[in-house]
Amino acid sequence: MTVTSPPDTARATLPPLPHWETTPEDLKAAIREIKPALRARIAASGRTVEEVFAVVEARIAAAVAEIEAAKTRGEELWPVVDYADIEAGAVSAEQLAQLRRRGCLVVRGHFPREQALAWDAGIVDYVESNRFFEDYRGPGDDFFGSVGSKPEIYPIYWSPAQMEARQSDRMARVQGLLNALWRSESDGVQWFDPDRDSLYPDRIRRRPPGADSGGLGTHLDPGTLDLWMTEAYQKAFRHLFDGTVEAYDPWDAAHRTAGPQYPGSTMCSAFRTFQGWTALSDMANDQGVLHTVPIPEAMAYLMLRPLLADVPEDSMCGVTTNRVFPATREWHSLLLRAVTPIPDVQAGDSVWWHCDMIHGVDPVEDQQGWGNVMYVPAAPWCARNEAYAASVRDAFLTGSSPTDFPAEHYERDWGNRFSADRLNDTGRRGLGLA
């Protein structure tokens, strides 16, 4: 289908996004241009920024109050679904509604426990047989370097374990369920194929018993200044700036998949409906695990907050280029009241969260038990992901680090990495080979 655009109703012209290597002074100047343009666009609708933000703030405050009350009652906030129900098509309408409300999910028994533990052991054999620890050069990026353990995030992408999980039928079924929560078609445009994943390659985490880890602060991954500046995102978030904020839907994929994100401003070139990981060990929820703000609509708050008068005119509440999108108590204290950790998980369970959601990882001292995961998201086939798949294919065939990640290339000479002749139909489709 041909991608079409909505009418440009009362839409202000925005300045071009500066290059990510621009000076801090130039970046501040660009922000001082961005904000009046966005305010003018809202004003053209007959509403003020304060009026539009008040609508969003009231909605978010009600969601936060609901979450706080549920915590007080001792209720589990993360939806939990058994993989057997997904496979049987027995997930109830009530469960699906809860998934949409919370934007996150734990899949119990996504893979058999024995399979997950075997994958974990296989990863150890894979890295040790290739002298990874002797050759390890330290964190390849500052963000994951903040966790502090040596190493915690392994820049490994093409192990048999990772590829077997990515191309498995069990993974495809869960991804299909999650993709179906989104509106993938609108106005005659098919924005993505909910039944085909692009096999977005990511790393693994292994954190041993007794480890101290600094964790990761609360943040978002979908982009940074490009969320306000690029044409595709201006359209994706159109309801926030055209006077129809009540119509904003965090599950509407319209325009999110049409074009690339701005170079250097995000850690992910692909469109992910959900980020996710599969547990390779048992983990208690007080041992340095993932936590989220389980409110998908919070993105509207984050996008509009920099336009209020209490924010300096050259600031976007800490958002800048070539860094993740921060969520901080200085600007987002209401949202952070809802931070919620995952429940305890066992090896073989998987954990998922909406691509726009605030998330982080708690710090831990003297960790009890292993904390091992492989990162596998839901990244459905679409224009953006098809374009990125070309570089993924080359990285897979050569054993290179994918282009979204630091160019470390540990696996190029590893003879026991997953080979092309082991790809099944799902794997070939996900890499654009079929």
Protein backbone atom coordinates (compact mmCIF):
# COMPACT_ATOMS: atom_id res chain seq x y z
CA MET A 1 0.00 0.00 0.00
CA THR A 2 1.08 3.59 -0.54
CA VAL A 3 1.88 5.54 2.59
CA THR A 4 -0.26 8.65 2.81
CA SER A 5 -0.13 11.66 5.09
CA PRO A 6 -2.92 13.33 7.08
CA PRO A 7 -3.96 16.88 6.12
CA ASP A 8 -1.60 19.61 7.32
CA THR A 9 -4.24 21.36 9.40
CA ALA A 10 -2.98 24.45 11.23
CA ARG A 11 0.53 23.09 11.17
CA ALA A 12 3.47 25.37 11.86
CA THR A 13 6.73 25.01 9.96
CA LEU A 14 9.42 23.65 12.26
CA PRO A 15 13.12 24.41 11.94
CA PRO A 16 15.46 21.69 10.70
CA LEU A 17 16.93 19.35 13.27
CA PRO A 18 20.59 20.16 13.92
CA HIS A 19 23.24 17.56 13.24
CA TRP A 20 23.92 15.41 16.29
CA GLU A 21 27.55 16.60 16.41
CA THR A 22 26.55 20.25 16.63
CA THR A 23 27.95 22.43 19.41
CA PRO A 24 25.97 22.83 22.64
CA GLU A 25 25.39 26.47 21.74
CA ASP A 26 23.93 25.59 18.34
CA LEU A 27 21.77 22.92 19.91
CA LYS A 28 20.34 25.36 22.42
CA ALA A 29 19.64 27.80 19.61
CA ALA A 30 17.76 25.10 17.70
CA ILE A 31 15.67 24.28 20.77
CA ARG A 32 14.80 27.96 21.11
CA GLU A 33 13.37 27.69 17.58
CA ILE A 34 11.58 24.39 18.14
CA LYS A 35 9.51 25.42 21.10
CA PRO A 36 7.84 28.58 19.71
CA ALA A 37 6.99 26.69 16.51
CA LEU A 38 5.27 23.94 18.48
CA ARG A 39 3.44 26.43 20.67
CA ALA A 40 2.27 28.26 17.56
CA ARG A 41 0.92 25.04 16.12
CA ILE A 42 -1.06 24.38 19.29
CA ALA A 43 -2.30 27.98 19.42
CA ALA A 44 -3.58 27.70 15.85
CA SER A 45 -6.04 25.10 17.13
CA GLY A 46 -7.57 27.64 19.51
CA ARG A 47 -6.11 26.07 22.64
CA THR A 48 -3.10 27.03 24.75
CA VAL A 49 -0.22 24.76 25.70
CA GLU A 50 -1.41 24.94 29.30
CA GLU A 51 -4.92 23.81 28.34
CA VAL A 52 -3.65 20.90 26.28
CA PHE A 53 -1.18 19.83 28.96
CA ALA A 54 -3.88 20.02 31.64
CA VAL A 55 -5.92 17.41 29.75
CA VAL A 56 -2.93 15.07 29.62
CA GLU A 57 -1.86 15.75 33.21
CA ALA A 58 -5.33 14.95 34.56
CA ARG A 59 -5.41 11.65 32.65
CA ILE A 60 -1.92 10.67 33.82
CA ALA A 61 -2.57 11.72 37.41
CA ALA A 62 -5.62 9.43 37.52
CA ALA A 63 -3.53 6.52 36.19
CA VAL A 64 -0.77 7.20 38.74
CA ALA A 65 -3.32 7.32 41.58
CA GLU A 66 -4.77 4.00 40.43
CA ILE A 67 -1.32 2.40 40.42
CA GLU A 68 -0.43 3.79 43.84
CA ALA A 69 -3.70 2.46 45.27
CA ALA A 70 -3.07 -0.97 43.75
CA LYS A 71 0.40 -1.06 45.29
CA THR A 72 -1.07 -0.18 48.68
CA ARG A 73 -3.47 -3.12 48.34
CA GLY A 74 -0.55 -5.40 47.50
CA GLU A 75 -1.79 -6.15 43.99
CA GLU A 76 0.48 -7.28 41.16
CA LEU A 77 0.54 -4.52 38.54
CA TRP A 78 2.32 -6.37 35.76
CA PRO A 79 -0.05 -8.49 33.66
CA VAL A 80 1.02 -12.15 33.57
CA VAL A 81 -0.05 -14.59 30.85
CA ASP A 82 0.88 -18.25 30.45
CA TYR A 83 2.49 -19.12 27.14
CA ALA A 84 0.21 -22.17 26.92
CA ASP A 85 -2.80 -19.81 26.73
CA ILE A 86 -1.15 -17.80 23.97
CA GLU A 87 -0.43 -20.96 21.99
CA ALA A 88 -4.02 -22.16 22.50
CA GLY A 89 -5.52 -18.79 21.56
CA ALA A 90 -7.08 -18.65 25.03
CA VAL A 91 -5.93 -15.19 26.19
CA SER A 92 -9.11 -13.49 27.39
CA ALA A 93 -10.50 -10.11 26.36
CA GLU A 94 -10.01 -8.98 29.95
CA GLN A 95 -6.33 -9.93 29.85
CA LEU A 96 -5.85 -8.10 26.54
CA ALA A 97 -7.52 -4.99 27.98
CA GLN A 98 -5.16 -5.15 30.95
CA LEU A 99 -2.20 -5.42 28.58
CA ARG A 100 -3.30 -2.29 26.73
CA ARG A 101 -3.86 -0.40 29.99
CA ARG A 102 -0.49 -1.32 31.50
CA GLY A 103 1.61 -1.65 28.35
CA CYS A 104 3.74 -4.44 29.81
CA LEU A 105 3.62 -8.21 30.20
CA VAL A 106 5.32 -11.26 31.69
CA VAL A 107 4.88 -14.46 29.69
CA ARG A 108 5.22 -17.44 31.99
CA GLY A 109 6.85 -20.48 30.46
CA HIS A 110 7.52 -18.74 27.16
CA PHE A 111 10.27 -21.32 26.73
CA PRO A 112 10.70 -24.50 28.74
CA ARG A 113 12.96 -23.91 31.72
CA GLU A 114 15.38 -26.61 30.55
CA GLN A 115 15.69 -24.89 27.17
CA ALA A 116 16.47 -21.51 28.75
CA LEU A 117 19.08 -22.98 31.08
CA ALA A 118 20.66 -24.84 28.17
CA TRP A 119 20.82 -21.59 26.20
CA ASP A 120 22.47 -19.89 29.17
CA ALA A 121 25.09 -22.64 29.39
CA GLY A 122 25.54 -22.53 25.62
CA ILE A 123 26.29 -18.81 25.74
CA VAL A 124 28.99 -19.46 28.36
CA ASP A 125 30.54 -22.13 26.13
CA TYR A 126 30.26 -19.81 23.14
CA VAL A 127 32.13 -16.90 24.71
CA GLU A 128 34.68 -18.98 26.59
CA SER A 129 35.59 -21.10 23.57
CA ASN A 130 36.35 -17.89 21.71
CA ARG A 131 38.40 -16.27 24.54
CA PHE A 132 35.94 -13.41 24.89
CA PHE A 133 37.02 -12.55 28.41
CA GLU A 134 40.69 -12.40 27.46
CA ASP A 135 39.87 -10.12 24.52
CA TYR A 136 37.18 -7.99 26.17
CA ARG A 137 38.03 -4.29 25.77
CA GLY A 138 35.46 -2.77 28.13
CA PRO A 139 32.03 -1.19 27.53
CA GLY A 140 31.60 0.05 23.99
CA ASP A 141 29.17 2.82 24.96
CA ASP A 142 28.90 5.14 27.93
CA PHE A 143 25.27 4.31 28.71
CA PHE A 144 25.69 0.61 29.42
CA GLY A 145 29.10 1.31 30.87
CA SER A 146 27.30 2.91 33.81
CA VAL A 147 26.18 -0.47 35.16
CA GLY A 148 29.67 -0.97 36.52
CA SER A 149 30.19 -4.75 36.35
CA LYS A 150 32.86 -6.18 34.05
CA PRO A 151 31.25 -7.11 31.80
CA GLU A 152 27.51 -7.17 32.44
CA ILE A 153 26.25 -6.42 28.96
CA TYR A 154 27.99 -8.77 26.50
CA PRO A 155 28.30 -7.29 22.98
CA ILE A 156 27.40 -10.67 21.48
CA TYR A 157 24.69 -11.00 18.80
CA TRP A 158 25.07 -14.20 16.76
CA SER A 159 25.28 -17.06 19.23
CA PRO A 160 23.22 -20.17 18.47
CA ALA A 161 21.12 -19.46 21.58
CA GLN A 162 20.15 -15.96 20.49
CA MET A 163 19.32 -16.92 16.94
CA GLU A 164 17.36 -20.00 17.98
CA ALA A 165 15.21 -17.83 20.25
CA ARG A 166 14.72 -15.10 17.63
CA GLN A 167 13.51 -17.45 14.91
CA SER A 168 11.49 -19.83 17.07
CA ASP A 169 7.76 -20.39 16.61
CA ARG A 170 7.20 -19.69 20.29
CA MET A 171 8.79 -16.26 19.94
CA ALA A 172 6.78 -15.49 16.81
CA ARG A 173 3.49 -16.32 18.57
CA VAL A 174 4.18 -13.97 21.47
CA GLN A 175 5.35 -11.20 19.14
CA GLY A 176 2.18 -11.64 17.08
CA LEU A 177 0.01 -11.26 20.19
CA LEU A 178 1.84 -8.09 21.19
CA ASN A 179 1.78 -6.60 17.69
CA ALA A 180 -1.98 -7.18 17.52
CA LEU A 181 -2.46 -4.78 20.45
CA TRP A 182 -1.45 -2.00 18.04
CA ARG A 183 -3.49 -0.45 15.26
CA SER A 184 -1.27 -1.45 12.35
CA GLU A 185 -3.58 -0.22 9.58
CA SER A 186 -5.35 3.11 9.18
CA ASP A 187 -6.56 5.34 6.35
CA GLY A 188 -5.82 2.60 3.86
CA VAL A 189 -2.18 2.30 4.94
CA GLN A 190 -0.65 -0.91 6.32
CA TRP A 191 1.98 0.49 8.66
CA PHE A 192 3.47 -2.88 9.60
CA ASP A 193 2.91 -6.61 9.20
CA PRO A 194 1.93 -7.93 12.66
CA ASP A 195 2.75 -11.52 11.66
CA ARG A 196 6.34 -10.99 10.53
CA ASP A 197 9.24 -9.91 12.74
CA SER A 198 12.50 -8.36 11.53
CA LEU A 199 14.70 -10.29 14.01
CA TYR A 200 16.22 -7.12 15.48
CA PRO A 201 19.57 -8.27 16.96
CA ASP A 202 20.50 -7.15 20.45
CA ARG A 203 22.91 -8.15 23.18
CA ILE A 204 22.84 -10.38 26.27
CA ARG A 205 23.23 -9.63 29.97
CA ARG A 206 24.95 -11.93 32.45
CA ARG A 207 25.32 -10.73 36.03
CA PRO A 208 26.84 -13.23 38.50
CA PRO A 209 25.91 -13.88 42.12
CA GLY A 210 27.56 -11.41 44.46
CA ALA A 211 27.79 -8.71 41.79
CA ASP A 212 27.35 -5.01 42.48
CA SER A 213 25.66 -3.12 39.65
CA GLY A 214 24.86 0.56 39.29
CA GLY A 215 21.68 -0.14 37.33
CA LEU A 216 20.26 2.10 34.63
CA GLY A 217 18.36 5.30 35.35
CA THR A 218 14.78 5.80 34.20
CA HIS A 219 14.70 6.63 30.50
CA LEU A 220 13.01 5.97 27.16
CA ASP A 221 14.47 4.55 23.96
CA PRO A 222 12.28 5.59 20.99
CA GLY A 223 14.33 8.69 20.13
CA THR A 224 15.30 12.11 21.43
CA LEU A 225 14.95 15.45 19.63
CA ASP A 226 13.80 13.62 16.51
CA LEU A 227 10.52 12.95 18.33
CA TRP A 228 9.70 16.64 17.99
CA MET A 229 11.57 17.40 14.78
CA THR A 230 11.30 14.72 12.10
CA GLU A 231 8.35 14.70 9.72
CA ALA A 232 7.30 11.14 10.54
CA TYR A 233 7.14 11.82 14.27
CA GLN A 234 5.40 15.18 13.79
CA LYS A 235 2.64 13.14 12.16
CA ALA A 236 2.79 10.28 14.65
CA PHE A 237 2.26 12.72 17.54
CA ARG A 238 -0.05 15.02 15.58
CA HIS A 239 -2.86 14.92 18.15
CA LEU A 240 -0.61 16.42 20.82
CA PHE A 241 0.03 19.53 18.76
CA ASP A 242 -3.09 20.07 16.62
CA GLY A 243 -5.71 20.63 19.31
CA THR A 244 -7.10 17.09 19.42
CA VAL A 245 -5.06 15.73 22.32
CA GLU A 246 -8.03 13.68 23.54
CA ALA A 247 -7.61 11.54 20.39
CA TYR A 248 -3.97 10.65 21.12
CA ASP A 249 -3.54 6.86 21.12
CA PRO A 250 -0.19 5.33 22.14
CA TRP A 251 -1.21 2.16 20.27
CA ASP A 252 -1.62 3.86 16.88
CA ALA A 253 1.31 2.99 14.59
CA ALA A 254 0.42 5.61 11.96
CA HIS A 255 3.56 7.27 10.56
CA ARG A 256 5.90 5.66 13.10
CA THR A 257 7.25 3.19 10.56
CA ALA A 258 7.48 5.34 7.44
CA GLY A 259 10.87 6.99 7.70
CA PRO A 260 14.22 6.78 9.45
CA GLN A 261 15.00 8.38 12.77
CA TYR A 262 17.58 11.14 12.91
CA PRO A 263 21.17 9.81 12.82
CA GLY A 264 22.86 9.84 16.18
CA SER A 265 19.79 10.78 18.18
CA THR A 266 18.61 7.29 19.08
CA MET A 267 20.06 3.90 19.89
CA CYS A 268 17.55 2.06 17.68
CA SER A 269 17.05 2.40 13.92
CA ALA A 270 14.13 -0.03 13.94
CA PHE A 271 10.52 0.35 15.00
CA ARG A 272 9.74 -1.88 17.97
CA THR A 273 6.19 -2.33 19.18
CA PHE A 274 7.60 -3.80 22.38
CA GLN A 275 11.00 -4.09 23.90
CA GLY A 276 11.64 -7.39 25.58
CA TRP A 277 13.97 -9.94 27.07
CA THR A 278 13.90 -13.63 27.81
CA ALA A 279 15.10 -14.81 31.22
CA LEU A 280 17.98 -17.28 31.23
CA SER A 281 18.01 -17.56 35.02
CA ASP A 282 15.61 -17.17 37.93
CA MET A 283 15.44 -13.59 39.23
CA ALA A 284 13.70 -12.10 42.26
CA ASN A 285 12.18 -8.67 41.75
CA ASP A 286 14.44 -7.05 44.37
CA GLN A 287 17.69 -8.13 42.69
CA GLY A 288 18.46 -5.29 40.29
CA VAL A 289 15.70 -6.00 37.78
CA LEU A 290 13.68 -4.03 35.25
CA HIS A 291 11.10 -1.52 36.39
CA THR A 292 8.72 0.56 34.29
CA VAL A 293 6.10 3.27 34.55
CA PRO A 294 3.18 1.13 33.32
CA ILE A 295 1.30 3.96 31.64
CA PRO A 296 1.67 3.94 27.82
CA GLU A 297 -0.09 7.33 27.58
CA ALA A 298 2.73 8.96 29.59
CA MET A 299 4.47 9.78 26.31
CA ALA A 300 2.00 12.63 25.83
CA TYR A 301 3.10 14.14 29.14
CA LEU A 302 6.77 13.77 28.21
CA MET A 303 6.28 15.40 24.80
CA LEU A 304 4.34 18.42 26.06
CA ARG A 305 6.19 19.06 29.33
CA PRO A 306 9.11 21.04 27.77
CA LEU A 307 6.69 23.60 26.33
CA LEU A 308 5.50 24.87 29.73
CA ALA A 309 6.72 28.19 31.05
CA ASP A 310 8.72 26.79 33.99
CA VAL A 311 11.18 25.05 31.63
CA PRO A 312 14.12 27.16 30.35
CA GLU A 313 13.63 28.15 26.73
CA ASP A 314 16.80 26.36 25.62
CA SER A 315 15.93 23.12 27.45
CA MET A 316 13.84 20.10 26.50
CA CYS A 317 13.77 18.74 30.08
CA GLY A 318 17.15 17.11 29.60
CA VAL A 319 16.49 15.63 26.16
CA THR A 320 19.37 16.13 23.75
CA THR A 321 20.96 14.44 20.77
CA ASN A 322 22.97 11.21 20.88
CA ARG A 323 21.67 10.28 24.35
CA VAL A 324 18.70 8.32 25.60
CA PHE A 325 15.57 10.25 26.59
CA PRO A 326 15.82 10.83 30.37
CA ALA A 327 12.91 10.72 32.82
CA THR A 328 13.87 12.67 35.93
CA ARG A 329 12.34 13.81 39.19
CA GLU A 330 13.10 17.42 38.26
CA TRP A 331 10.63 17.40 35.36
CA HIS A 332 8.63 14.17 35.58
CA SER A 333 8.05 13.56 39.30
CA LEU A 334 4.37 12.70 38.76
CA LEU A 335 5.27 9.90 36.37
CA LEU A 336 8.01 8.44 38.55
CA ARG A 337 5.56 7.89 41.41
CA ALA A 338 4.27 4.98 39.32
CA VAL A 339 7.60 3.15 38.85
CA THR A 340 6.88 -0.57 39.25
CA PRO A 341 9.30 -3.55 39.19
CA ILE A 342 8.61 -6.79 37.38
CA PRO A 343 7.41 -9.76 39.44
CA ASP A 344 9.79 -12.61 40.18
CA VAL A 345 10.64 -14.51 37.00
CA GLN A 346 12.07 -17.91 36.21
CA ALA A 347 14.33 -19.07 33.42
CA GLY A 348 12.22 -19.32 30.27
CA ASP A 349 9.82 -16.49 31.17
CA SER A 350 9.88 -13.40 28.98
CA VAL A 351 9.28 -9.74 29.87
CA TRP A 352 7.86 -7.07 27.52
CA TRP A 353 7.13 -3.34 27.64
CA HIS A 354 5.65 -0.83 25.18
CA CYS A 355 8.32 0.91 23.11
CA ASP A 356 7.46 4.38 24.50
CA MET A 357 7.42 3.43 28.16
CA ILE A 358 9.71 4.82 30.83
CA HIS A 359 11.93 2.04 32.17
CA GLY A 360 15.16 1.45 34.04
CA VAL A 361 17.07 -1.17 36.00
CA ASP A 362 17.47 -1.00 39.75
CA PRO A 363 20.98 -1.03 41.23
CA VAL A 364 21.95 -4.05 43.32
CA GLU A 365 24.66 -4.93 45.82
CA ASP A 366 25.76 -8.50 46.46
CA GLN A 367 23.23 -9.91 44.01
CA GLN A 368 21.60 -13.16 45.06
CA GLY A 369 21.63 -15.63 42.17
CA TRP A 370 22.37 -15.02 38.52
CA GLY A 371 20.73 -12.22 36.52
CA ASN A 372 20.89 -13.41 32.92
CA VAL A 373 18.74 -12.35 29.96
CA MET A 374 18.83 -12.20 26.19
CA TYR A 375 17.25 -9.10 24.64
CA VAL A 376 14.68 -9.98 21.95
CA PRO A 377 12.08 -7.31 21.09
CA ALA A 378 9.02 -7.31 18.85
CA ALA A 379 10.11 -5.43 15.72
CA PRO A 380 7.50 -6.13 13.03
CA TRP A 381 8.26 -5.92 9.33
CA CYS A 382 7.70 -2.39 8.04
CA ALA A 383 9.39 0.19 5.81
CA ARG A 384 11.83 1.27 8.51
CA ASN A 385 12.72 -2.25 9.60
CA GLU A 386 13.06 -3.50 6.05
CA ALA A 387 15.63 -0.76 5.41
CA TYR A 388 17.57 -1.68 8.54
CA ALA A 389 17.42 -5.39 7.69
CA ALA A 390 19.95 -4.85 4.89
CA SER A 391 22.65 -3.90 7.38
CA VAL A 392 21.53 -6.66 9.76
CA ARG A 393 21.98 -9.26 7.01
CA ASP A 394 25.52 -8.11 6.38
CA ALA A 395 26.31 -8.13 10.11
CA PHE A 396 24.88 -11.64 10.45
CA LEU A 397 26.81 -13.03 7.50
CA THR A 398 30.11 -11.47 8.60
CA GLY A 399 29.72 -11.85 12.36
CA SER A 400 29.88 -8.08 12.82
CA SER A 401 28.23 -5.91 15.44
CA PRO A 402 24.97 -4.49 14.04
CA THR A 403 25.16 -0.85 13.02
CA ASP A 404 22.92 0.31 15.89
CA PHE A 405 25.63 -0.77 18.33
CA PRO A 406 29.30 0.05 18.95
CA ALA A 407 31.57 -1.38 16.24
CA GLU A 408 33.25 -4.00 18.44
CA HIS A 409 32.96 -7.00 16.07
CA TYR A 410 34.07 -9.69 18.52
CA GLU A 411 32.37 -12.50 16.60
CA ARG A 412 33.84 -12.04 13.12
CA ASP A 413 36.34 -14.87 13.55
CA TRP A 414 34.22 -17.09 15.78
CA GLY A 415 33.68 -20.31 13.85
CA ASN A 416 30.84 -21.57 16.02
CA ARG A 417 28.47 -18.62 15.60
CA PHE A 418 25.03 -19.34 14.13
CA SER A 419 25.36 -20.00 10.40
CA ALA A 420 23.06 -19.12 7.50
CA ASP A 421 22.31 -22.76 6.72
CA ARG A 422 20.58 -23.03 10.12
CA LEU A 423 18.00 -20.34 9.34
CA ASN A 424 14.43 -21.55 9.19
CA ASP A 425 11.62 -19.85 7.24
CA THR A 426 11.00 -17.37 10.04
CA GLY A 427 14.68 -16.49 10.23
CA ARG A 428 15.01 -15.99 6.49
CA ARG A 429 11.92 -13.78 6.36
CA GLY A 430 13.11 -11.78 9.34
CA LEU A 431 16.40 -11.04 7.62
CA GLY A 432 14.73 -10.24 4.30
CA LEU A 433 16.11 -13.34 2.64
CA ALA A 434 12.68 -14.75 1.70
